[in-house]
Protein backbone atom coordinates (compact mmCIF):
# COMPACT_ATOMS: atom_id res chain seq x y z
CA MET A 1 -20.20 -5.06 -2.67
CA THR A 2 -22.29 -5.97 0.35
CA HIS A 3 -23.69 -2.14 0.22
CA TYR A 4 -25.17 -2.62 -3.50
CA ILE A 5 -26.32 -5.83 -2.77
CA ARG A 6 -28.33 -4.55 -0.16
CA ALA A 7 -29.66 -1.39 -2.16
CA HIS A 8 -31.78 -3.96 -3.66
CA HIS A 9 -33.01 -5.44 -0.26
CA ASP A 10 -35.58 -3.55 2.04
CA ALA A 11 -33.68 -5.31 5.71
CA ILE A 12 -30.44 -6.61 6.27
CA VAL A 13 -30.97 -8.41 9.84
CA VAL A 14 -28.70 -9.13 12.43
CA GLY A 15 -28.88 -11.32 15.57
CA ILE A 16 -28.38 -9.93 19.28
CA SER A 17 -24.55 -11.04 19.62
CA THR A 18 -23.46 -8.36 16.47
CA PHE A 19 -25.79 -5.75 17.81
CA LEU A 20 -24.20 -5.41 21.32
CA ALA A 21 -20.18 -6.36 19.59
CA ASP A 22 -20.01 -3.90 16.63
CA ASN A 23 -22.45 -1.09 17.31
CA PRO A 24 -23.99 -1.44 13.15
CA SER A 25 -25.28 1.52 11.00
CA LEU A 26 -27.18 -1.54 8.46
CA ASN A 27 -27.28 0.86 6.13
CA CYS A 28 -26.84 1.33 2.91
CA ARG A 29 -24.10 3.91 1.52
CA TYR A 30 -24.07 2.73 -2.02
CA ASN A 31 -27.47 5.51 -1.98
CA LEU A 32 -28.48 6.16 -5.64
CA ASN A 33 -32.62 6.61 -5.52
CA LYS A 34 -31.48 7.46 -1.45
CA HIS A 35 -33.44 3.56 -0.81
CA LYS A 36 -33.76 3.22 2.87
CA ILE A 37 -32.97 -0.63 4.72
CA ARG A 38 -35.09 -1.52 7.73
CA PRO A 39 -32.72 -2.80 10.26
CA VAL A 40 -33.78 -5.64 11.52
CA ILE A 41 -32.43 -7.63 14.88
CA ILE A 42 -33.15 -11.03 16.47
CA ASP A 43 -33.06 -10.34 20.24
CA PRO A 44 -35.72 -13.04 22.31
CA HIS A 45 -34.02 -11.45 24.96
CA PHE A 46 -34.56 -8.18 24.41
CA LYS A 47 -30.63 -7.94 26.22
CA SER A 48 -30.75 -4.80 23.12
CA SER A 49 -33.21 -2.30 25.71
CA SER A 50 -29.59 -1.33 27.24
CA LYS A 51 -27.99 -0.31 24.08
CA LEU A 52 -30.82 1.02 21.43
CA ALA A 53 -30.78 4.99 22.61
CA GLY A 54 -27.57 5.64 21.52
CA SER A 55 -27.47 3.11 18.58
CA LYS A 56 -26.15 3.94 15.70
CA ILE A 57 -29.46 1.75 13.94
CA VAL A 58 -31.82 4.69 16.38
CA GLU A 59 -29.55 7.13 15.20
CA ASN A 60 -30.11 6.02 11.31
CA TYR A 61 -33.23 6.64 12.42
CA THR A 62 -34.20 10.35 14.52
CA ASP A 63 -31.75 11.48 11.65
CA GLY A 64 -34.09 10.20 8.74
CA THR A 65 -31.12 8.08 7.09
CA GLY A 66 -32.82 5.37 8.15
CA LEU A 67 -36.06 3.23 8.69
CA LYS A 68 -37.48 2.00 12.18
CA PRO A 69 -35.19 -0.79 13.30
CA LEU A 70 -37.76 -3.70 14.22
CA ILE A 71 -36.71 -6.02 17.46
CA VAL A 72 -37.72 -9.03 17.50
CA VAL A 73 -38.04 -11.05 20.79
CA SER A 74 -39.76 -13.74 22.54
CA ARG A 75 -43.29 -14.13 23.76
CA ASP A 76 -41.46 -15.11 27.70
CA VAL A 77 -39.94 -11.24 26.95
CA ASN A 78 -42.00 -9.40 29.62
CA SER A 79 -43.72 -6.92 27.85
CA SER A 80 -44.19 -4.34 30.11
CA SER A 81 -40.11 -4.25 29.54
CA THR A 82 -40.95 -3.75 25.50
CA GLU A 83 -43.52 -1.03 25.96
CA GLU A 84 -41.26 1.57 25.21
CA PHE A 85 -39.18 0.75 22.02
CA ASP A 86 -41.99 -0.55 20.73
CA VAL A 87 -41.30 -3.89 19.78
């Protein structure tokens, strides 16, 4: 049921705790029309920076099976720490 619902939406949103604990793929396996979903991580303090490079969502993006992840950070996050990631 979860992947059927994902097939009908453009993004899936998780919080930073879920991302860090589970390393989720955030993709759609019920994919008859090759619909790609944008993974969105709510990460106010940019704690994901150390885990992004080896994550499943970045792997999906680089192999073409997923869209580029969107990381939502607080305005208080130093912009120099986000330059590498385009957040």
